[in-house]
């Protein structure tokens, strides 16, 4: 319940203020999701620890991105390493090599988003390419996890990964191509949904 309340409070504050409420609600929401994962009764310790590490890094990224001055690179790096942790978690649950069936749609989607962003990226082109490559890998491994396991845990992992891709796509388009009114609602709803699903996958 605290997760929903603080997430809605954060969204309200983004549109209507006050600004200080964002500094409270944003880390509170991610921390609540982190605690959900921390106290989850996972059967696979490495998976559990990797997800918790990813959420801790996400919390750090949240803090960097909400500060008044522009710390976008620090936030980007925090989430990049978070996706490394999520990728390690999902990959650890695979019983065979992941199928290209899940990779091709992700590559096409990533290529489309990059095509829209490319003219606006300099000098951020390389960091964005690296980040997009990592989140694509993370989503591919999550999809492969679901296709191989077919469990509720793998469904949560896959759903969270896909929502994360959508959230970061909206965030990137809003930042680099130009802001749009529904950006915060789209970014935050998919972001918190992504983290909640990934935490529940434990």
Foldseek 3Di string as FASTA:
>chain_A
DLLVVLLVQLLCCVVPDDLVSVVVSVLSNLVVLLVLLVPDDDPDVLLSVLLSQLSVLQSVLSNQPSDPDHSNVSSLVSNLVSLVSLLVNLQVQDPDDFDCVLLVVLVVVLVVLCVVQVVQQVPNVVSVVSSSVSLSSSLSSLVSSCVRPVDLLSVLSNLLSVLQVQLVSLVSCCPGVHHDDCSSVSNSVSNSSSSNSNSVSD
